[in-house]
Amino acid sequence: MAFESIPAFMTPAQLAEIVGEHEGSIRRGIREGRIAADKVNGRWFICRDTVFPNAKKEVASNDQ
């Protein structure tokens, strides 16, 4: 999956599908502070750039 095709903001279920983990593991990581996420209107959203920072750097270096 290309970095650009990953949504900028994902739900725990979307991130779980991308990384091949169980959604409960993602939610536990959020609760424990290992995965940065923001709660908006009762739903968790995870920023792609904070979860995959090295991929973002790689894409930026390839664009030059």
N, C-alpha and C. Protein backbone atom coordinates (compact mmCIF):
# COMPACT_ATOMS: atom_id res chain seq x y z
N MET A 1 0.84 -1.18 0.00
CA MET A 1 0.00 0.00 0.00
C MET A 1 0.89 1.24 0.00
N ALA A 2 0.63 2.15 -0.89
CA ALA A 2 1.41 3.38 -0.99
C ALA A 2 1.04 4.34 0.13
N PHE A 3 2.01 5.07 0.61
CA PHE A 3 1.79 6.03 1.70
C PHE A 3 0.68 7.01 1.36
N GLU A 4 0.66 7.49 0.13
CA GLU A 4 -0.34 8.48 -0.29
C GLU A 4 -1.76 7.92 -0.27
N SER A 5 -1.91 6.62 -0.38
CA SER A 5 -3.24 6.03 -0.41
C SER A 5 -3.82 5.80 1.00
N ILE A 6 -2.99 5.97 2.02
CA ILE A 6 -3.47 5.83 3.40
C ILE A 6 -4.18 7.14 3.77
N PRO A 7 -5.38 7.05 4.35
CA PRO A 7 -6.10 8.28 4.73
C PRO A 7 -5.28 9.10 5.72
N ALA A 8 -5.39 10.43 5.64
CA ALA A 8 -4.65 11.32 6.55
C ALA A 8 -5.06 11.09 8.00
N PHE A 9 -6.33 10.82 8.23
CA PHE A 9 -6.84 10.52 9.56
C PHE A 9 -7.62 9.22 9.50
N MET A 10 -7.27 8.29 10.40
CA MET A 10 -7.85 6.95 10.38
C MET A 10 -8.55 6.64 11.69
N THR A 11 -9.52 5.77 11.62
CA THR A 11 -10.14 5.22 12.82
C THR A 11 -9.27 4.05 13.28
N PRO A 12 -9.45 3.61 14.51
CA PRO A 12 -8.71 2.42 14.96
C PRO A 12 -8.93 1.21 14.06
N ALA A 13 -10.15 1.03 13.56
CA ALA A 13 -10.43 -0.10 12.67
C ALA A 13 -9.64 0.01 11.37
N GLN A 14 -9.54 1.20 10.81
CA GLN A 14 -8.79 1.37 9.57
C GLN A 14 -7.30 1.11 9.78
N LEU A 15 -6.74 1.63 10.88
CA LEU A 15 -5.32 1.40 11.17
C LEU A 15 -5.07 -0.09 11.40
N ALA A 16 -5.97 -0.75 12.11
CA ALA A 16 -5.82 -2.18 12.37
C ALA A 16 -5.76 -2.96 11.06
N GLU A 17 -6.59 -2.61 10.13
CA GLU A 17 -6.59 -3.30 8.84
C GLU A 17 -5.29 -3.05 8.08
N ILE A 18 -4.79 -1.84 8.13
CA ILE A 18 -3.56 -1.49 7.39
C ILE A 18 -2.35 -2.23 7.95
N VAL A 19 -2.25 -2.27 9.28
CA VAL A 19 -1.06 -2.87 9.89
C VAL A 19 -1.23 -4.35 10.22
N GLY A 20 -2.43 -4.88 10.05
CA GLY A 20 -2.65 -6.30 10.29
C GLY A 20 -2.77 -6.67 11.75
N GLU A 21 -3.25 -5.76 12.56
CA GLU A 21 -3.45 -6.02 13.98
C GLU A 21 -4.94 -6.06 14.28
N HIS A 22 -5.27 -6.50 15.47
CA HIS A 22 -6.66 -6.53 15.91
C HIS A 22 -7.04 -5.11 16.36
N GLU A 23 -8.27 -4.71 16.10
CA GLU A 23 -8.72 -3.37 16.47
C GLU A 23 -8.58 -3.13 17.98
N GLY A 24 -8.81 -4.16 18.77
CA GLY A 24 -8.66 -4.03 20.22
C GLY A 24 -7.23 -3.68 20.62
N SER A 25 -6.25 -4.19 19.89
CA SER A 25 -4.85 -3.87 20.17
C SER A 25 -4.57 -2.40 19.89
N ILE A 26 -5.16 -1.89 18.83
CA ILE A 26 -4.99 -0.48 18.49
C ILE A 26 -5.63 0.39 19.57
N ARG A 27 -6.83 0.06 19.96
CA ARG A 27 -7.53 0.83 21.00
C ARG A 27 -6.76 0.78 22.33
N ARG A 28 -6.20 -0.36 22.67
CA ARG A 28 -5.39 -0.48 23.88
C ARG A 28 -4.15 0.40 23.78
N GLY A 29 -3.53 0.43 22.61
CA GLY A 29 -2.37 1.29 22.41
C GLY A 29 -2.72 2.76 22.58
N ILE A 30 -3.90 3.14 22.15
CA ILE A 30 -4.36 4.53 22.34
C ILE A 30 -4.54 4.81 23.83
N ARG A 31 -5.25 3.94 24.52
CA ARG A 31 -5.50 4.13 25.96
C ARG A 31 -4.20 4.21 26.76
N GLU A 32 -3.22 3.39 26.38
CA GLU A 32 -1.95 3.34 27.10
C GLU A 32 -0.99 4.44 26.67
N GLY A 33 -1.37 5.22 25.66
CA GLY A 33 -0.54 6.34 25.22
C GLY A 33 0.56 5.96 24.23
N ARG A 34 0.55 4.74 23.72
CA ARG A 34 1.57 4.32 22.75
C ARG A 34 1.23 4.74 21.34
N ILE A 35 -0.06 5.00 21.09
CA ILE A 35 -0.51 5.47 19.78
C ILE A 35 -1.19 6.81 19.98
N ALA A 36 -0.67 7.84 19.34
CA ALA A 36 -1.24 9.18 19.46
C ALA A 36 -2.55 9.24 18.70
N ALA A 37 -3.60 9.73 19.37
CA ALA A 37 -4.91 9.83 18.74
C ALA A 37 -5.70 10.95 19.40
N ASP A 38 -6.66 11.47 18.68
CA ASP A 38 -7.55 12.51 19.20
C ASP A 38 -8.97 12.02 19.16
N LYS A 39 -9.73 12.34 20.19
CA LYS A 39 -11.13 11.94 20.24
C LYS A 39 -11.98 13.12 19.77
N VAL A 40 -12.77 12.90 18.74
CA VAL A 40 -13.62 13.93 18.16
C VAL A 40 -15.05 13.38 18.12
N ASN A 41 -15.95 14.07 18.81
CA ASN A 41 -17.35 13.64 18.87
C ASN A 41 -17.49 12.17 19.26
N GLY A 42 -16.66 11.74 20.22
CA GLY A 42 -16.76 10.38 20.72
C GLY A 42 -16.06 9.32 19.91
N ARG A 43 -15.37 9.72 18.84
CA ARG A 43 -14.66 8.74 17.99
C ARG A 43 -13.17 9.07 17.97
N TRP A 44 -12.36 8.02 18.00
CA TRP A 44 -10.91 8.21 17.93
C TRP A 44 -10.46 8.38 16.48
N PHE A 45 -9.51 9.31 16.28
CA PHE A 45 -8.89 9.50 14.98
C PHE A 45 -7.38 9.54 15.16
N ILE A 46 -6.69 8.84 14.28
CA ILE A 46 -5.24 8.70 14.35
C ILE A 46 -4.64 9.34 13.10
N CYS A 47 -3.67 10.21 13.29
CA CYS A 47 -3.02 10.89 12.17
C CYS A 47 -1.99 9.97 11.52
N ARG A 48 -2.09 9.81 10.22
CA ARG A 48 -1.19 8.95 9.45
C ARG A 48 0.27 9.36 9.65
N ASP A 49 0.54 10.68 9.69
CA ASP A 49 1.92 11.15 9.77
C ASP A 49 2.58 10.84 11.10
N THR A 50 1.80 10.70 12.17
CA THR A 50 2.40 10.35 13.46
C THR A 50 2.63 8.85 13.60
N VAL A 51 1.83 8.06 12.91
CA VAL A 51 1.97 6.61 12.98
C VAL A 51 3.08 6.12 12.05
N PHE A 52 3.21 6.76 10.91
CA PHE A 52 4.20 6.35 9.91
C PHE A 52 5.16 7.49 9.60
N PRO A 53 5.89 8.03 10.59
CA PRO A 53 6.76 9.19 10.34
C PRO A 53 7.89 8.90 9.36
N ASN A 54 8.45 7.70 9.39
CA ASN A 54 9.55 7.37 8.49
C ASN A 54 9.08 7.27 7.04
N ALA A 55 7.86 6.79 6.84
CA ALA A 55 7.31 6.72 5.49
C ALA A 55 7.13 8.11 4.92
N LYS A 56 6.68 9.05 5.75
CA LYS A 56 6.51 10.42 5.30
C LYS A 56 7.85 11.02 4.87
N LYS A 57 8.90 10.78 5.66
CA LYS A 57 10.24 11.29 5.32
C LYS A 57 10.72 10.68 4.00
N GLU A 58 10.48 9.40 3.80
CA GLU A 58 10.91 8.71 2.59
C GLU A 58 10.20 9.28 1.37
N VAL A 59 8.92 9.53 1.47
CA VAL A 59 8.16 10.11 0.35
C VAL A 59 8.69 11.50 0.04
N ALA A 60 8.96 12.29 1.08
CA ALA A 60 9.46 13.65 0.86
C ALA A 60 10.83 13.63 0.19
N SER A 61 11.70 12.70 0.58
CA SER A 61 13.03 12.64 -0.02
C SER A 61 12.99 12.15 -1.46
N ASN A 62 12.00 11.33 -1.81
CA ASN A 62 11.86 10.85 -3.18
C ASN A 62 11.28 11.89 -4.11
N ASP A 63 10.57 12.89 -3.55
CA ASP A 63 9.97 13.94 -4.37
C ASP A 63 11.00 14.95 -4.84
N GLN A 64 12.17 14.96 -4.25
CA GLN A 64 13.19 15.96 -4.61
C GLN A 64 13.98 15.56 -5.82
